[in-house]
PDB file of N, CA and C in Angstrom:
ATOM      1  N   MET A   1      54.797 -17.228 -40.952  1.00  0.00           N
ATOM      2  CA  MET A   1      53.496 -17.062 -40.599  1.00  0.00           C
ATOM      3  C   MET A   1      52.910 -16.726 -42.081  1.00  0.00           C
ATOM      4  N   THR A   2      51.583 -17.541 -41.995  1.00  0.00           N
ATOM      5  CA  THR A   2      50.771 -17.542 -43.133  1.00  0.00           C
ATOM      6  C   THR A   2      49.728 -16.377 -42.982  1.00  0.00           C
ATOM      7  N   TRP A   3      49.119 -16.018 -43.941  1.00  0.00           N
ATOM      8  CA  TRP A   3      48.157 -14.829 -43.863  1.00  0.00           C
ATOM      9  C   TRP A   3      46.794 -15.260 -42.928  1.00  0.00           C
ATOM     10  N   GLU A   4      46.567 -16.605 -42.997  1.00  0.00           N
ATOM     11  CA  GLU A   4      45.584 -17.191 -42.287  1.00  0.00           C
ATOM     12  C   GLU A   4      45.811 -17.115 -40.768  1.00  0.00           C
ATOM     13  N   ILE A   5      46.698 -17.317 -40.355  1.00  0.00           N
ATOM     14  CA  ILE A   5      47.357 -17.129 -38.821  1.00  0.00           C
ATOM     15  C   ILE A   5      47.187 -15.494 -38.532  1.00  0.00           C
ATOM     16  N   VAL A   6      47.642 -14.814 -39.037  1.00  0.00           N
ATOM     17  CA  VAL A   6      47.659 -13.270 -39.216  1.00  0.00           C
ATOM     18  C   VAL A   6      46.174 -12.818 -39.037  1.00  0.00           C
ATOM     19  N   VAL A   7      45.238 -13.171 -39.892  1.00  0.00           N
ATOM     20  CA  VAL A   7      43.933 -13.062 -39.924  1.00  0.00           C
ATOM     21  C   VAL A   7      43.412 -13.528 -38.585  1.00  0.00           C
ATOM     22  N   GLY A   8      43.623 -14.682 -38.262  1.00  0.00           N
ATOM     23  CA  GLY A   8      42.992 -15.364 -37.039  1.00  0.00           C
ATOM     24  C   GLY A   8      43.322 -14.555 -35.761  1.00  0.00           C
ATOM     25  N   LEU A   9      44.898 -14.078 -35.778  1.00  0.00           N
ATOM     26  CA  LEU A   9      45.128 -13.388 -34.521  1.00  0.00           C
ATOM     27  C   LEU A   9      44.473 -11.996 -34.470  1.00  0.00           C
ATOM     28  N   ILE A  10      44.165 -11.398 -35.570  1.00  0.00           N
ATOM     29  CA  ILE A  10      43.545 -10.055 -35.617  1.00  0.00           C
ATOM     30  C   ILE A  10      42.130 -10.425 -35.226  1.00  0.00           C
ATOM     31  N   ALA A  11      41.457 -11.516 -35.491  1.00  0.00           N
ATOM     32  CA  ALA A  11      40.038 -11.566 -35.238  1.00  0.00           C
ATOM     33  C   ALA A  11      39.897 -12.088 -33.791  1.00  0.00           C
ATOM     34  N   LEU A  12      41.029 -12.701 -33.220  1.00  0.00           N
ATOM     35  CA  LEU A  12      40.794 -12.980 -31.765  1.00  0.00           C
ATOM     36  C   LEU A  12      41.367 -11.683 -30.858  1.00  0.00           C
ATOM     37  N   LEU A  13      42.172 -10.864 -31.410  1.00  0.00           N
ATOM     38  CA  LEU A  13      42.312  -9.518 -30.825  1.00  0.00           C
ATOM     39  C   LEU A  13      41.172  -8.615 -30.812  1.00  0.00           C
ATOM     40  N   GLY A  14      40.367  -8.721 -31.811  1.00  0.00           N
ATOM     41  CA  GLY A  14      39.246  -7.885 -32.086  1.00  0.00           C
ATOM     42  C   GLY A  14      38.227  -8.477 -30.994  1.00  0.00           C
ATOM     43  N   ALA A  15      37.956  -9.810 -31.012  1.00  0.00           N
ATOM     44  CA  ALA A  15      37.073 -10.219 -29.995  1.00  0.00           C
ATOM     45  C   ALA A  15      37.301 -10.054 -28.617  1.00  0.00           C
ATOM     46  N   PHE A  16      38.844 -10.156 -28.205  1.00  0.00           N
ATOM     47  CA  PHE A  16      38.955  -9.800 -26.916  1.00  0.00           C
ATOM     48  C   PHE A  16      38.796  -8.069 -26.560  1.00  0.00           C
ATOM     49  N   LEU A  17      39.141  -7.561 -27.590  1.00  0.00           N
ATOM     50  CA  LEU A  17      38.900  -5.875 -27.314  1.00  0.00           C
ATOM     51  C   LEU A  17      37.526  -5.537 -27.229  1.00  0.00           C
ATOM     52  N   SER A  18      36.709  -6.406 -27.988  1.00  0.00           N
ATOM     53  CA  SER A  18      35.184  -6.121 -28.004  1.00  0.00           C
ATOM     54  C   SER A  18      34.579  -6.659 -26.637  1.00  0.00           C
ATOM     55  N   ALA A  19      35.060  -7.650 -26.084  1.00  0.00           N
ATOM     56  CA  ALA A  19      34.687  -8.168 -24.942  1.00  0.00           C
ATOM     57  C   ALA A  19      35.065  -7.118 -23.857  1.00  0.00           C
ATOM     58  N   GLY A  20      36.228  -6.748 -23.938  1.00  0.00           N
ATOM     59  CA  GLY A  20      36.880  -5.797 -22.923  1.00  0.00           C
ATOM     60  C   GLY A  20      36.317  -4.642 -22.794  1.00  0.00           C
ATOM     61  N   THR A  21      35.694  -4.045 -23.884  1.00  0.00           N
ATOM     62  CA  THR A  21      35.060  -2.881 -23.921  1.00  0.00           C
ATOM     63  C   THR A  21      33.609  -2.931 -23.036  1.00  0.00           C
ATOM     64  N   GLN A  22      33.007  -4.092 -23.467  1.00  0.00           N
ATOM     65  CA  GLN A  22      31.739  -4.302 -22.749  1.00  0.00           C
ATOM     66  C   GLN A  22      31.789  -4.517 -21.237  1.00  0.00           C
ATOM     67  N   VAL A  23      32.987  -5.269 -20.797  1.00  0.00           N
ATOM     68  CA  VAL A  23      33.136  -5.668 -19.306  1.00  0.00           C
ATOM     69  C   VAL A  23      33.374  -4.099 -18.663  1.00  0.00           C
ATOM     70  N   ALA A  24      34.250  -3.401 -19.548  1.00  0.00           N
ATOM     71  CA  ALA A  24      34.413  -1.893 -18.869  1.00  0.00           C
ATOM     72  C   ALA A  24      33.296  -1.177 -18.723  1.00  0.00           C
ATOM     73  N   LYS A  25      32.359  -0.945 -19.801  1.00  0.00           N
ATOM     74  CA  LYS A  25      31.183  -0.504 -19.826  1.00  0.00           C
ATOM     75  C   LYS A  25      30.228  -1.128 -18.394  1.00  0.00           C
ATOM     76  N   LEU A  26      30.036  -2.362 -18.407  1.00  0.00           N
ATOM     77  CA  LEU A  26      29.381  -2.980 -17.254  1.00  0.00           C
ATOM     78  C   LEU A  26      29.842  -2.780 -15.948  1.00  0.00           C
ATOM     79  N   SER A  27      31.266  -2.575 -15.841  1.00  0.00           N
ATOM     80  CA  SER A  27      31.684  -2.218 -14.488  1.00  0.00           C
ATOM     81  C   SER A  27      31.538  -0.959 -14.176  1.00  0.00           C
ATOM     82  N   ARG A  28      31.656  -0.092 -15.109  1.00  0.00           N
ATOM     83  CA  ARG A  28      31.270   1.379 -14.672  1.00  0.00           C
ATOM     84  C   ARG A  28      29.824   1.591 -14.426  1.00  0.00           C
ATOM     85  N   THR A  29      29.020   0.924 -15.068  1.00  0.00           N
ATOM     86  CA  THR A  29      27.516   1.042 -14.958  1.00  0.00           C
ATOM     87  C   THR A  29      27.227   0.363 -13.490  1.00  0.00           C
ATOM     88  N   LEU A  30      27.834  -0.559 -13.076  1.00  0.00           N
ATOM     89  CA  LEU A  30      27.568  -1.271 -11.825  1.00  0.00           C
ATOM     90  C   LEU A  30      28.218  -0.363 -10.513  1.00  0.00           C
ATOM     91  N   ALA A  31      29.289   0.320 -10.811  1.00  0.00           N
ATOM     92  CA  ALA A  31      30.076   1.362  -9.787  1.00  0.00           C
ATOM     93  C   ALA A  31      28.886   2.613  -9.628  1.00  0.00           C
ATOM     94  N   MET A  32      28.367   3.099 -10.636  1.00  0.00           N
ATOM     95  CA  MET A  32      27.359   4.206 -10.735  1.00  0.00           C
ATOM     96  C   MET A  32      26.138   3.571  -9.877  1.00  0.00           C
ATOM     97  N   LEU A  33      25.599   2.395 -10.232  1.00  0.00           N
ATOM     98  CA  LEU A  33      24.446   1.911  -9.733  1.00  0.00           C
ATOM     99  C   LEU A  33      24.608   1.707  -8.107  1.00  0.00           C
ATOM    100  N   GLU A  34      25.884   1.378  -7.823  1.00  0.00           N
ATOM    101  CA  GLU A  34      26.161   1.291  -6.301  1.00  0.00           C
ATOM    102  C   GLU A  34      26.245   2.454  -5.794  1.00  0.00           C
ATOM    103  N   ALA A  35      26.814   3.461  -6.201  1.00  0.00           N
ATOM    104  CA  ALA A  35      26.673   4.898  -5.580  1.00  0.00           C
ATOM    105  C   ALA A  35      25.161   5.451  -5.518  1.00  0.00           C
ATOM    106  N   ALA A  36      24.385   5.177  -6.438  1.00  0.00           N
ATOM    107  CA  ALA A  36      23.310   5.603  -6.426  1.00  0.00           C
ATOM    108  C   ALA A  36      22.371   4.854  -5.249  1.00  0.00           C
ATOM    109  N   VAL A  37      22.553   3.660  -5.214  1.00  0.00           N
ATOM    110  CA  VAL A  37      21.771   2.704  -3.883  1.00  0.00           C
ATOM    111  C   VAL A  37      22.285   3.332  -2.868  1.00  0.00           C
ATOM    112  N   LYS A  38      23.575   3.639  -2.560  1.00  0.00           N
ATOM    113  CA  LYS A  38      24.052   4.044  -1.276  1.00  0.00           C
ATOM    114  C   LYS A  38      23.474   5.319  -0.910  1.00  0.00           C
ATOM    115  N   GLU A  39      23.133   6.308  -1.979  1.00  0.00           N
ATOM    116  CA  GLU A  39      22.789   7.673  -1.793  1.00  0.00           C
ATOM    117  C   GLU A  39      21.243   7.294  -1.389  1.00  0.00           C
ATOM    118  N   LEU A  40      20.569   6.500  -2.131  1.00  0.00           N
ATOM    119  CA  LEU A  40      19.114   6.326  -1.941  1.00  0.00           C
ATOM    120  C   LEU A  40      18.988   5.880  -0.434  1.00  0.00           C
ATOM    121  N   LYS A  41      19.917   4.962   0.012  1.00  0.00           N
ATOM    122  CA  LYS A  41      19.842   4.432   1.456  1.00  0.00           C
ATOM    123  C   LYS A  41      20.037   5.525   2.379  1.00  0.00           C
ATOM    124  N   THR A  42      20.708   6.452   2.151  1.00  0.00           N
ATOM    125  CA  THR A  42      21.004   7.591   3.260  1.00  0.00           C
ATOM    126  C   THR A  42      19.673   8.427   3.243  1.00  0.00           C
ATOM    127  N   ILE A  43      19.233   8.657   1.951  1.00  0.00           N
ATOM    128  CA  ILE A  43      17.916   9.547   1.921  1.00  0.00           C
ATOM    129  C   ILE A  43      16.859   8.958   2.598  1.00  0.00           C
ATOM    130  N   LEU A  44      16.766   7.525   2.548  1.00  0.00           N
ATOM    131  CA  LEU A  44      15.498   6.688   3.120  1.00  0.00           C
ATOM    132  C   LEU A  44      15.748   6.751   4.456  1.00  0.00           C
ATOM    133  N   GLU A  45      17.083   6.643   5.093  1.00  0.00           N
ATOM    134  CA  GLU A  45      17.294   6.751   6.586  1.00  0.00           C
ATOM    135  C   GLU A  45      16.949   8.225   7.116  1.00  0.00           C
ATOM    136  N   GLU A  46      17.188   9.404   6.518  1.00  0.00           N
ATOM    137  CA  GLU A  46      16.760  10.602   6.663  1.00  0.00           C
ATOM    138  C   GLU A  46      15.250  10.693   6.716  1.00  0.00           C
ATOM    139  N   LEU A  47      14.788  10.308   5.662  1.00  0.00           N
ATOM    140  CA  LEU A  47      13.078  10.344   5.645  1.00  0.00           C
ATOM    141  C   LEU A  47      12.570   9.635   6.741  1.00  0.00           C
ATOM    142  N   LYS A  48      12.983   8.264   7.054  1.00  0.00           N
ATOM    143  CA  LYS A  48      12.528   7.639   8.287  1.00  0.00           C
ATOM    144  C   LYS A  48      12.718   8.345   9.607  1.00  0.00           C
ATOM    145  N   SER A  49      13.846   9.097   9.634  1.00  0.00           N
ATOM    146  CA  SER A  49      13.913   9.925  10.908  1.00  0.00           C
ATOM    147  C   SER A  49      13.043  10.928  10.975  1.00  0.00           C
ATOM    148  N   ASP A  50      13.076  11.846   9.867  1.00  0.00           N
ATOM    149  CA  ASP A  50      11.977  12.774   9.939  1.00  0.00           C
ATOM    150  C   ASP A  50      10.579  12.313  10.182  1.00  0.00           C
ATOM    151  N   ASN A  51      10.278  11.192   9.742  1.00  0.00           N
ATOM    152  CA  ASN A  51       8.933  10.663   9.654  1.00  0.00           C
ATOM    153  C   ASN A  51       8.571  10.407  11.204  1.00  0.00           C
ATOM    154  N   ARG A  52       9.572   9.765  11.733  1.00  0.00           N
ATOM    155  CA  ARG A  52       9.496   9.423  13.251  1.00  0.00           C
ATOM    156  C   ARG A  52       9.223  10.688  14.149  1.00  0.00           C
ATOM    157  N   GLU A  53       9.975  11.714  13.810  1.00  0.00           N
ATOM    158  CA  GLU A  53       9.833  12.966  14.416  1.00  0.00           C
ATOM    159  C   GLU A  53       8.581  13.479  14.267  1.00  0.00           C
ATOM    160  N   GLU A  54       8.003  13.669  13.014  1.00  0.00           N
ATOM    161  CA  GLU A  54       6.795  14.043  12.615  1.00  0.00           C
ATOM    162  C   GLU A  54       5.626  13.439  13.329  1.00  0.00           C
ATOM    163  N   HIS A  55       5.763  12.026  13.488  1.00  0.00           N
ATOM    164  CA  HIS A  55       4.725  11.291  14.152  1.00  0.00           C
ATOM    165  C   HIS A  55       4.597  11.592  15.625  1.00  0.00           C
ATOM    166  N   VAL A  56       5.798  11.853  16.210  1.00  0.00           N
ATOM    167  CA  VAL A  56       5.770  12.086  17.580  1.00  0.00           C
ATOM    168  C   VAL A  56       4.852  13.655  17.701  1.00  0.00           C
ATOM    169  N   ARG A  57       5.308  14.692  16.861  1.00  0.00           N
ATOM    170  CA  ARG A  57       4.607  15.943  16.941  1.00  0.00           C
ATOM    171  C   ARG A  57       3.261  15.580  16.732  1.00  0.00           C
ATOM    172  N   ILE A  58       2.823  14.928  15.857  1.00  0.00           N
ATOM    173  CA  ILE A  58       1.440  14.816  15.474  1.00  0.00           C
ATOM    174  C   ILE A  58       0.858  14.160  16.577  1.00  0.00           C
ATOM    175  N   ARG A  59       1.248  12.988  17.412  1.00  0.00           N
ATOM    176  CA  ARG A  59       0.938  12.412  18.666  1.00  0.00           C
ATOM    177  C   ARG A  59       0.675  13.382  19.675  1.00  0.00           C
ATOM    178  N   GLU A  60       1.674  14.386  19.762  1.00  0.00           N
ATOM    179  CA  GLU A  60       1.452  15.513  20.959  1.00  0.00           C
ATOM    180  C   GLU A  60       0.421  16.409  20.612  1.00  0.00           C
ATOM    181  N   THR A  61       0.334  16.710  19.356  1.00  0.00           N
ATOM    182  CA  THR A  61      -0.943  17.480  18.987  1.00  0.00           C
ATOM    183  C   THR A  61      -2.198  16.780  19.170  1.00  0.00           C
ATOM    184  N   LEU A  62      -2.380  15.655  18.767  1.00  0.00           N
ATOM    185  CA  LEU A  62      -3.676  14.716  19.026  1.00  0.00           C
ATOM    186  C   LEU A  62      -3.994  14.713  20.574  1.00  0.00           C
ATOM    187  N   ALA A  63      -2.846  14.469  21.433  1.00  0.00           N
ATOM    188  CA  ALA A  63      -3.134  14.391  22.731  1.00  0.00           C
ATOM    189  C   ALA A  63      -3.672  15.563  23.404  1.00  0.00           C
ATOM    190  N   SER A  64      -3.066  16.795  22.970  1.00  0.00           N
ATOM    191  CA  SER A  64      -3.566  18.156  23.503  1.00  0.00           C
ATOM    192  C   SER A  64      -5.090  18.330  22.868  1.00  0.00           C
ATOM    193  N   HIS A  65      -5.340  17.944  21.618  1.00  0.00           N
ATOM    194  CA  HIS A  65      -6.721  18.144  21.363  1.00  0.00           C
ATOM    195  C   HIS A  65      -7.672  17.263  22.014  1.00  0.00           C
ATOM    196  N   GLU A  66      -7.185  15.945  22.359  1.00  0.00           N
ATOM    197  CA  GLU A  66      -7.974  15.074  23.170  1.00  0.00           C
ATOM    198  C   GLU A  66      -8.114  15.531  24.573  1.00  0.00           C
ATOM    199  N   LYS A  67      -7.287  16.167  25.197  1.00  0.00           N
ATOM    200  CA  LYS A  67      -7.434  16.787  26.599  1.00  0.00           C
ATOM    201  C   LYS A  67      -8.515  18.003  26.321  1.00  0.00           C
ATOM    202  N   ARG A  68      -8.635  18.769  25.210  1.00  0.00           N
ATOM    203  CA  ARG A  68      -9.454  19.826  25.279  1.00  0.00           C
ATOM    204  C   ARG A  68     -10.986  19.214  24.944  1.00  0.00           C
ATOM    205  N   LEU A  69     -10.948  18.230  24.188  1.00  0.00           N
ATOM    206  CA  LEU A  69     -12.229  17.710  23.899  1.00  0.00           C
ATOM    207  C   LEU A  69     -12.807  17.171  25.221  1.00  0.00           C
ATOM    208  N   LEU A  70     -11.980  16.356  26.135  1.00  0.00           N
ATOM    209  CA  LEU A  70     -12.559  16.125  27.573  1.00  0.00           C
ATOM    210  C   LEU A  70     -12.903  16.989  28.352  1.00  0.00           C
ATOM    211  N   ARG A  71     -12.215  18.351  28.379  1.00  0.00           N
ATOM    212  CA  ARG A  71     -12.645  19.525  29.040  1.00  0.00           C
ATOM    213  C   ARG A  71     -13.828  19.819  28.624  1.00  0.00           C
ATOM    214  N   CYS A  72     -14.148  19.970  27.256  1.00  0.00           N
ATOM    215  CA  CYS A  72     -15.343  20.466  26.691  1.00  0.00           C
ATOM    216  C   CYS A  72     -16.624  19.555  27.038  1.00  0.00           C
ATOM    217  N   GLU A  73     -16.301  18.111  26.866  1.00  0.00           N
ATOM    218  CA  GLU A  73     -17.206  17.296  27.427  1.00  0.00           C
ATOM    219  C   GLU A  73     -17.704  17.379  28.861  1.00  0.00           C
ATOM    220  N   ASN A  74     -16.690  17.420  29.712  1.00  0.00           N
ATOM    221  CA  ASN A  74     -16.917  17.594  31.046  1.00  0.00           C
ATOM    222  C   ASN A  74     -17.936  18.906  31.407  1.00  0.00           C
ATOM    223  N   THR A  75     -17.550  19.929  30.646  1.00  0.00           N
ATOM    224  CA  THR A  75     -18.045  21.213  30.991  1.00  0.00           C
ATOM    225  C   THR A  75     -19.469  21.115  30.487  1.00  0.00           C
ATOM    226  N   ALA A  76     -19.829  20.497  29.250  1.00  0.00           N
ATOM    227  CA  ALA A  76     -21.083  20.327  28.711  1.00  0.00           C
ATOM    228  C   ALA A  76     -21.727  19.303  29.676  1.00  0.00           C
ATOM    229  N   GLU A  77     -21.304  18.268  30.297  1.00  0.00           N
ATOM    230  CA  GLU A  77     -21.989  17.633  31.221  1.00  0.00           C
ATOM    231  C   GLU A  77     -22.522  18.240  32.398  1.00  0.00           C
ATOM    232  N   GLU A  78     -21.439  19.089  32.977  1.00  0.00           N
ATOM    233  CA  GLU A  78     -21.773  19.912  34.341  1.00  0.00           C
ATOM    234  C   GLU A  78     -23.002  20.903  33.807  1.00  0.00           C
ATOM    235  N   MET A  79     -23.187  21.442  32.601  1.00  0.00           N
ATOM    236  CA  MET A  79     -23.989  22.333  32.329  1.00  0.00           C
ATOM    237  C   MET A  79     -25.316  21.524  32.171  1.00  0.00           C
ATOM    238  N   GLU A  80     -25.490  20.367  31.629  1.00  0.00           N
ATOM    239  CA  GLU A  80     -26.458  19.505  31.369  1.00  0.00           C
ATOM    240  C   GLU A  80     -27.109  19.046  32.820  1.00  0.00           C
ATOM    241  N   LYS A  81     -26.069  18.865  33.781  1.00  0.00           N
ATOM    242  CA  LYS A  81     -26.681  18.567  35.069  1.00  0.00           C
ATOM    243  C   LYS A  81     -27.313  19.794  35.798  1.00  0.00           C
ATOM    244  N   GLN A  82     -26.698  20.997  35.750  1.00  0.00           N
ATOM    245  CA  GLN A  82     -27.239  22.129  36.139  1.00  0.00           C
ATOM    246  C   GLN A  82     -28.603  22.373  35.713  1.00  0.00           C
ATOM    247  N   TRP A  83     -28.921  22.125  34.316  1.00  0.00           N
ATOM    248  CA  TRP A  83     -30.148  22.394  33.770  1.00  0.00           C
ATOM    249  C   TRP A  83     -31.182  21.426  34.144  1.00  0.00           C
ATOM    250  N   THR A  84     -30.768  20.142  34.554  1.00  0.00           N
ATOM    251  CA  THR A  84     -31.593  19.125  34.819  1.00  0.00           C
ATOM    252  C   THR A  84     -31.998  19.326  36.198  1.00  0.00           C
ATOM    253  N   THR A  85     -31.157  19.701  36.940  1.00  0.00           N
ATOM    254  CA  THR A  85     -31.448  19.728  38.388  1.00  0.00           C
ATOM    255  C   THR A  85     -32.024  21.224  38.974  1.00  0.00           C
ATOM    256  N   GLY A  86     -32.159  22.071  37.832  1.00  0.00           N
ATOM    257  CA  GLY A  86     -32.741  23.493  37.885  1.00  0.00           C
ATOM    258  C   GLY A  86     -31.813  24.527  38.708  1.00  0.00           C
ATOM    259  N   LYS A  87     -30.446  24.233  38.834  1.00  0.00           N
ATOM    260  CA  LYS A  87     -29.524  25.114  39.382  1.00  0.00           C
ATOM    261  C   LYS A  87     -28.816  25.889  38.346  1.00  0.00           C
ATOM    262  N   ARG A  88     -29.195  26.933  38.074  1.00  0.00           N
ATOM    263  CA  ARG A  88     -28.513  27.791  37.093  1.00  0.00           C
ATOM    264  C   ARG A  88     -27.901  28.871  37.790  1.00  0.00           C
ATOM    265  N   ASN A  89     -26.895  29.322  37.202  1.00  0.00           N
ATOM    266  CA  ASN A  89     -25.975  30.385  37.338  1.00  0.00           C
ATOM    267  C   ASN A  89     -26.609  31.649  36.895  1.00  0.00           C
TER     268      ASN A  89
END
């Protein structure tokens, strides 16, 4: 073996080592990203569930307020009728 072949083999080994290091770093980064995406997906599902529950609660509260407003309007209409017909309590 001549020294050119030895230098060539060392250069080739260095190139493989350099590429392998980059592939290992990329693989580790992709694994971390995959885990982060899975965690974000579960958090998003929890938020959607909480959001649905909150919307149900808000709709129930709005329905209650709507009923109160209708009762107030009916009472106001009755009072107006009493005033216009002259029948006062």
